[in-house]
Amino acid sequence: WNRTLWQAAAPCVAVMLLLGAWTRF
């Protein structure tokens, strides 16, 4: 479970940054 969550963290951060940039600009 720990390994799966750490592997999912990078795509979640990428989606968050993309949506944040989209709402900002």
PDB file of all heavy atoms in Angstrom:
ATOM      1  N   TRP A   1       0.836  -1.200   0.000  1.00  0.00           N
ATOM      2  CA  TRP A   1       0.000   0.000   0.000  1.00  0.00           C
ATOM      3  C   TRP A   1       0.874   1.255   0.000  1.00  0.00           C
ATOM      4  O   TRP A   1       0.586   2.220  -0.708  1.00  0.00           O
ATOM      5  CB  TRP A   1      -0.907  -0.043   1.215  1.00  0.00           C
ATOM      6  CG  TRP A   1      -1.905   1.048   1.301  1.00  0.00           C
ATOM      7  CD1 TRP A   1      -1.935   2.047   2.204  1.00  0.00           C
ATOM      8  CD2 TRP A   1      -3.022   1.268   0.430  1.00  0.00           C
ATOM      9  NE1 TRP A   1      -2.994   2.871   1.970  1.00  0.00           N
ATOM     10  CE2 TRP A   1      -3.680   2.413   0.884  1.00  0.00           C
ATOM     11  CE3 TRP A   1      -3.518   0.605  -0.674  1.00  0.00           C
ATOM     12  CZ2 TRP A   1      -4.808   2.911   0.264  1.00  0.00           C
ATOM     13  CZ3 TRP A   1      -4.649   1.105  -1.290  1.00  0.00           C
ATOM     14  CH2 TRP A   1      -5.278   2.237  -0.825  1.00  0.00           C
ATOM     15  N   ASN A   2       1.944   1.250   0.774  1.00  0.00           N
ATOM     16  CA  ASN A   2       2.858   2.387   0.832  1.00  0.00           C
ATOM     17  C   ASN A   2       3.515   2.631  -0.525  1.00  0.00           C
ATOM     18  O   ASN A   2       3.585   3.769  -1.002  1.00  0.00           O
ATOM     19  CB  ASN A   2       3.919   2.133   1.904  1.00  0.00           C
ATOM     20  CG  ASN A   2       4.811   3.326   2.128  1.00  0.00           C
ATOM     21  OD1 ASN A   2       4.467   4.450   1.771  1.00  0.00           O
ATOM     22  ND2 ASN A   2       5.957   3.086   2.705  1.00  0.00           N
ATOM     23  N   ARG A   3       3.985   1.578  -1.167  1.00  0.00           N
ATOM     24  CA  ARG A   3       4.632   1.712  -2.474  1.00  0.00           C
ATOM     25  C   ARG A   3       3.639   2.230  -3.515  1.00  0.00           C
ATOM     26  O   ARG A   3       3.966   3.091  -4.336  1.00  0.00           O
ATOM     27  CB  ARG A   3       5.218   0.368  -2.896  1.00  0.00           C
ATOM     28  CG  ARG A   3       6.015   0.421  -4.154  1.00  0.00           C
ATOM     29  CD  ARG A   3       6.751  -0.878  -4.453  1.00  0.00           C
ATOM     30  NE  ARG A   3       5.942  -2.083  -4.278  1.00  0.00           N
ATOM     31  CZ  ARG A   3       6.096  -2.963  -3.280  1.00  0.00           C
ATOM     32  NH1 ARG A   3       7.006  -2.768  -2.350  1.00  0.00           N
ATOM     33  NH2 ARG A   3       5.329  -4.031  -3.202  1.00  0.00           N
ATOM     34  N   THR A   4       2.404   1.737  -3.470  1.00  0.00           N
ATOM     35  CA  THR A   4       1.387   2.180  -4.425  1.00  0.00           C
ATOM     36  C   THR A   4       1.062   3.661  -4.245  1.00  0.00           C
ATOM     37  O   THR A   4       0.925   4.397  -5.222  1.00  0.00           O
ATOM     38  CB  THR A   4       0.119   1.336  -4.258  1.00  0.00           C
ATOM     39  OG1 THR A   4       0.447  -0.041  -4.399  1.00  0.00           O
ATOM     40  CG2 THR A   4      -0.936   1.705  -5.273  1.00  0.00           C
ATOM     41  N   LEU A   5       0.944   4.098  -3.000  1.00  0.00           N
ATOM     42  CA  LEU A   5       0.635   5.513  -2.758  1.00  0.00           C
ATOM     43  C   LEU A   5       1.775   6.427  -3.193  1.00  0.00           C
ATOM     44  O   LEU A   5       1.533   7.511  -3.746  1.00  0.00           O
ATOM     45  CB  LEU A   5       0.315   5.727  -1.283  1.00  0.00           C
ATOM     46  CG  LEU A   5      -1.027   5.174  -0.819  1.00  0.00           C
ATOM     47  CD1 LEU A   5      -1.193   5.387   0.676  1.00  0.00           C
ATOM     48  CD2 LEU A   5      -2.172   5.800  -1.572  1.00  0.00           C
ATOM     49  N   TRP A   6       3.025   6.010  -2.968  1.00  0.00           N
ATOM     50  CA  TRP A   6       4.149   6.831  -3.405  1.00  0.00           C
ATOM     51  C   TRP A   6       4.234   6.888  -4.924  1.00  0.00           C
ATOM     52  O   TRP A   6       4.633   7.907  -5.491  1.00  0.00           O
ATOM     53  CB  TRP A   6       5.455   6.322  -2.812  1.00  0.00           C
ATOM     54  CG  TRP A   6       5.696   6.866  -1.441  1.00  0.00           C
ATOM     55  CD1 TRP A   6       5.654   6.179  -0.279  1.00  0.00           C
ATOM     56  CD2 TRP A   6       5.979   8.223  -1.100  1.00  0.00           C
ATOM     57  NE1 TRP A   6       5.896   7.021   0.775  1.00  0.00           N
ATOM     58  CE2 TRP A   6       6.106   8.283   0.303  1.00  0.00           C
ATOM     59  CE3 TRP A   6       6.142   9.386  -1.829  1.00  0.00           C
ATOM     60  CZ2 TRP A   6       6.384   9.462   0.976  1.00  0.00           C
ATOM     61  CZ3 TRP A   6       6.420  10.557  -1.158  1.00  0.00           C
ATOM     62  CH2 TRP A   6       6.546  10.588   0.222  1.00  0.00           C
ATOM     63  N   GLN A   7       3.868   5.813  -5.597  1.00  0.00           N
ATOM     64  CA  GLN A   7       3.882   5.831  -7.057  1.00  0.00           C
ATOM     65  C   GLN A   7       2.758   6.705  -7.603  1.00  0.00           C
ATOM     66  O   GLN A   7       2.880   7.272  -8.687  1.00  0.00           O
ATOM     67  CB  GLN A   7       3.743   4.404  -7.604  1.00  0.00           C
ATOM     68  CG  GLN A   7       4.975   3.565  -7.385  1.00  0.00           C
ATOM     69  CD  GLN A   7       4.775   2.120  -7.791  1.00  0.00           C
ATOM     70  OE1 GLN A   7       3.671   1.693  -8.085  1.00  0.00           O
ATOM     71  NE2 GLN A   7       5.859   1.367  -7.793  1.00  0.00           N
ATOM     72  N   ALA A   8       1.678   6.841  -6.854  1.00  0.00           N
ATOM     73  CA  ALA A   8       0.557   7.664  -7.301  1.00  0.00           C
ATOM     74  C   ALA A   8       0.758   9.139  -6.967  1.00  0.00           C
ATOM     75  O   ALA A   8       0.027   9.984  -7.485  1.00  0.00           O
ATOM     76  CB  ALA A   8      -0.742   7.168  -6.675  1.00  0.00           C
ATOM     77  N   ALA A   9       1.721   9.453  -6.127  1.00  0.00           N
ATOM     78  CA  ALA A   9       1.909  10.837  -5.701  1.00  0.00           C
ATOM     79  C   ALA A   9       2.363  11.735  -6.854  1.00  0.00           C
ATOM     80  O   ALA A   9       1.881  12.857  -6.994  1.00  0.00           O
ATOM     81  CB  ALA A   9       2.919  10.900  -4.562  1.00  0.00           C
ATOM     82  N   ALA A  10       3.279  11.260  -7.686  1.00  0.00           N
ATOM     83  CA  ALA A  10       3.793  12.083  -8.788  1.00  0.00           C
ATOM     84  C   ALA A  10       2.691  12.445  -9.801  1.00  0.00           C
ATOM     85  O   ALA A  10       2.576  13.623 -10.174  1.00  0.00           O
ATOM     86  CB  ALA A  10       4.953  11.381  -9.478  1.00  0.00           C
ATOM     87  N   PRO A  11       1.858  11.502 -10.261  1.00  0.00           N
ATOM     88  CA  PRO A  11       0.786  11.908 -11.172  1.00  0.00           C
ATOM     89  C   PRO A  11      -0.211  12.860 -10.518  1.00  0.00           C
ATOM     90  O   PRO A  11      -0.724  13.776 -11.189  1.00  0.00           O
ATOM     91  CB  PRO A  11       0.099  10.594 -11.556  1.00  0.00           C
ATOM     92  CG  PRO A  11       1.101   9.536 -11.293  1.00  0.00           C
ATOM     93  CD  PRO A  11       1.944  10.045 -10.176  1.00  0.00           C
ATOM     94  N   CYS A  12      -0.473  12.696  -9.229  1.00  0.00           N
ATOM     95  CA  CYS A  12      -1.399  13.603  -8.552  1.00  0.00           C
ATOM     96  C   CYS A  12      -0.840  15.017  -8.483  1.00  0.00           C
ATOM     97  O   CYS A  12      -1.566  15.989  -8.682  1.00  0.00           O
ATOM     98  CB  CYS A  12      -1.718  13.082  -7.149  1.00  0.00           C
ATOM     99  SG  CYS A  12      -2.729  11.606  -7.147  1.00  0.00           S
ATOM    100  N   VAL A  13       0.443  15.140  -8.203  1.00  0.00           N
ATOM    101  CA  VAL A  13       1.079  16.465  -8.163  1.00  0.00           C
ATOM    102  C   VAL A  13       1.072  17.081  -9.562  1.00  0.00           C
ATOM    103  O   VAL A  13       0.825  18.284  -9.716  1.00  0.00           O
ATOM    104  CB  VAL A  13       2.511  16.358  -7.596  1.00  0.00           C
ATOM    105  CG1 VAL A  13       3.285  17.637  -7.806  1.00  0.00           C
ATOM    106  CG2 VAL A  13       2.458  16.001  -6.128  1.00  0.00           C
ATOM    107  N   ALA A  14       1.316  16.275 -10.584  1.00  0.00           N
ATOM    108  CA  ALA A  14       1.304  16.790 -11.958  1.00  0.00           C
ATOM    109  C   ALA A  14      -0.089  17.293 -12.335  1.00  0.00           C
ATOM    110  O   ALA A  14      -0.226  18.376 -12.934  1.00  0.00           O
ATOM    111  CB  ALA A  14       1.765  15.711 -12.928  1.00  0.00           C
ATOM    112  N   VAL A  15      -1.119  16.551 -11.984  1.00  0.00           N
ATOM    113  CA  VAL A  15      -2.494  16.983 -12.282  1.00  0.00           C
ATOM    114  C   VAL A  15      -2.818  18.255 -11.512  1.00  0.00           C
ATOM    115  O   VAL A  15      -3.440  19.186 -12.054  1.00  0.00           O
ATOM    116  CB  VAL A  15      -3.497  15.856 -11.951  1.00  0.00           C
ATOM    117  CG1 VAL A  15      -4.918  16.356 -11.959  1.00  0.00           C
ATOM    118  CG2 VAL A  15      -3.329  14.708 -12.932  1.00  0.00           C
ATOM    119  N   MET A  16      -2.400  18.338 -10.251  1.00  0.00           N
ATOM    120  CA  MET A  16      -2.650  19.532  -9.449  1.00  0.00           C
ATOM    121  C   MET A  16      -1.975  20.761 -10.066  1.00  0.00           C
ATOM    122  O   MET A  16      -2.579  21.833 -10.160  1.00  0.00           O
ATOM    123  CB  MET A  16      -2.144  19.321  -8.026  1.00  0.00           C
ATOM    124  CG  MET A  16      -2.348  20.533  -7.142  1.00  0.00           C
ATOM    125  SD  MET A  16      -1.327  20.560  -5.690  1.00  0.00           S
ATOM    126  CE  MET A  16       0.308  20.611  -6.365  1.00  0.00           C
ATOM    127  N   LEU A  17      -0.718  20.605 -10.499  1.00  0.00           N
ATOM    128  CA  LEU A  17      -0.009  21.738 -11.101  1.00  0.00           C
ATOM    129  C   LEU A  17      -0.647  22.163 -12.416  1.00  0.00           C
ATOM    130  O   LEU A  17      -0.767  23.364 -12.695  1.00  0.00           O
ATOM    131  CB  LEU A  17       1.454  21.381 -11.307  1.00  0.00           C
ATOM    132  CG  LEU A  17       2.290  21.257 -10.027  1.00  0.00           C
ATOM    133  CD1 LEU A  17       3.686  20.773 -10.358  1.00  0.00           C
ATOM    134  CD2 LEU A  17       2.322  22.578  -9.295  1.00  0.00           C
ATOM    135  N   LEU A  18      -1.058  21.196 -13.226  1.00  0.00           N
ATOM    136  CA  LEU A  18      -1.714  21.539 -14.486  1.00  0.00           C
ATOM    137  C   LEU A  18      -3.029  22.270 -14.257  1.00  0.00           C
ATOM    138  O   LEU A  18      -3.320  23.282 -14.909  1.00  0.00           O
ATOM    139  CB  LEU A  18      -1.952  20.285 -15.320  1.00  0.00           C
ATOM    140  CG  LEU A  18      -0.712  19.695 -15.990  1.00  0.00           C
ATOM    141  CD1 LEU A  18      -1.048  18.352 -16.632  1.00  0.00           C
ATOM    142  CD2 LEU A  18      -0.184  20.651 -17.028  1.00  0.00           C
ATOM    143  N   LEU A  19      -3.844  21.776 -13.335  1.00  0.00           N
ATOM    144  CA  LEU A  19      -5.115  22.443 -13.063  1.00  0.00           C
ATOM    145  C   LEU A  19      -4.905  23.810 -12.417  1.00  0.00           C
ATOM    146  O   LEU A  19      -5.652  24.758 -12.709  1.00  0.00           O
ATOM    147  CB  LEU A  19      -5.989  21.561 -12.171  1.00  0.00           C
ATOM    148  CG  LEU A  19      -6.539  20.306 -12.835  1.00  0.00           C
ATOM    149  CD1 LEU A  19      -7.299  19.460 -11.830  1.00  0.00           C
ATOM    150  CD2 LEU A  19      -7.424  20.658 -14.012  1.00  0.00           C
ATOM    151  N   GLY A  20      -3.894  23.925 -11.558  1.00  0.00           N
ATOM    152  CA  GLY A  20      -3.599  25.229 -10.964  1.00  0.00           C
ATOM    153  C   GLY A  20      -3.158  26.242 -12.006  1.00  0.00           C
ATOM    154  O   GLY A  20      -3.572  27.402 -11.983  1.00  0.00           O
ATOM    155  N   ALA A  21      -2.301  25.813 -12.939  1.00  0.00           N
ATOM    156  CA  ALA A  21      -1.866  26.720 -14.007  1.00  0.00           C
ATOM    157  C   ALA A  21      -3.024  27.076 -14.922  1.00  0.00           C
ATOM    158  O   ALA A  21      -3.143  28.223 -15.379  1.00  0.00           O
ATOM    159  CB  ALA A  21      -0.742  26.069 -14.807  1.00  0.00           C
ATOM    160  N   TRP A  22      -3.894  26.116 -15.168  1.00  0.00           N
ATOM    161  CA  TRP A  22      -5.037  26.376 -16.042  1.00  0.00           C
ATOM    162  C   TRP A  22      -5.971  27.405 -15.407  1.00  0.00           C
ATOM    163  O   TRP A  22      -6.415  28.342 -16.074  1.00  0.00           O
ATOM    164  CB  TRP A  22      -5.775  25.077 -16.318  1.00  0.00           C
ATOM    165  CG  TRP A  22      -6.989  25.225 -17.189  1.00  0.00           C
ATOM    166  CD1 TRP A  22      -7.146  26.023 -18.269  1.00  0.00           C
ATOM    167  CD2 TRP A  22      -8.220  24.535 -17.037  1.00  0.00           C
ATOM    168  NE1 TRP A  22      -8.383  25.875 -18.809  1.00  0.00           N
ATOM    169  CE2 TRP A  22      -9.072  24.957 -18.063  1.00  0.00           C
ATOM    170  CE3 TRP A  22      -8.682  23.597 -16.134  1.00  0.00           C
ATOM    171  CZ2 TRP A  22     -10.364  24.468 -18.212  1.00  0.00           C
ATOM    172  CZ3 TRP A  22      -9.957  23.100 -16.291  1.00  0.00           C
ATOM    173  CH2 TRP A  22     -10.786  23.537 -17.315  1.00  0.00           C
ATOM    174  N   THR A  23      -6.253  27.268 -14.114  1.00  0.00           N
ATOM    175  CA  THR A  23      -7.142  28.226 -13.470  1.00  0.00           C
ATOM    176  C   THR A  23      -6.470  29.589 -13.298  1.00  0.00           C
ATOM    177  O   THR A  23      -7.142  30.612 -13.289  1.00  0.00           O
ATOM    178  CB  THR A  23      -7.597  27.717 -12.085  1.00  0.00           C
ATOM    179  OG1 THR A  23      -6.458  27.434 -11.297  1.00  0.00           O
ATOM    180  CG2 THR A  23      -8.454  26.480 -12.226  1.00  0.00           C
ATOM    181  N   ARG A  24      -5.154  29.611 -13.177  1.00  0.00           N
ATOM    182  CA  ARG A  24      -4.444  30.877 -13.009  1.00  0.00           C
ATOM    183  C   ARG A  24      -4.404  31.681 -14.305  1.00  0.00           C
ATOM    184  O   ARG A  24      -4.584  32.884 -14.310  1.00  0.00           O
ATOM    185  CB  ARG A  24      -3.017  30.592 -12.514  1.00  0.00           C
ATOM    186  CG  ARG A  24      -2.128  31.781 -12.432  1.00  0.00           C
ATOM    187  CD  ARG A  24      -2.496  32.642 -11.252  1.00  0.00           C
ATOM    188  NE  ARG A  24      -1.542  33.712 -11.111  1.00  0.00           N
ATOM    189  CZ  ARG A  24      -1.893  34.983 -11.014  1.00  0.00           C
ATOM    190  NH1 ARG A  24      -3.156  35.317 -11.012  1.00  0.00           N
ATOM    191  NH2 ARG A  24      -0.978  35.904 -10.894  1.00  0.00           N
ATOM    192  N   PHE A  25      -4.148  30.996 -15.409  1.00  0.00           N
ATOM    193  CA  PHE A  25      -3.957  31.700 -16.674  1.00  0.00           C
ATOM    194  C   PHE A  25      -5.181  31.705 -17.578  1.00  0.00           C
ATOM    195  O   PHE A  25      -5.141  32.295 -18.645  1.00  0.00           O
ATOM    196  CB  PHE A  25      -2.766  31.103 -17.426  1.00  0.00           C
ATOM    197  CG  PHE A  25      -1.480  31.259 -16.669  1.00  0.00           C
ATOM    198  CD1 PHE A  25      -0.787  30.148 -16.229  1.00  0.00           C
ATOM    199  CD2 PHE A  25      -0.966  32.512 -16.381  1.00  0.00           C
ATOM    200  CE1 PHE A  25       0.394  30.280 -15.521  1.00  0.00           C
ATOM    201  CE2 PHE A  25       0.213  32.659 -15.679  1.00  0.00           C
ATOM    202  CZ  PHE A  25       0.900  31.541 -15.243  1.00  0.00           C
TER     203      PHE A  25
END
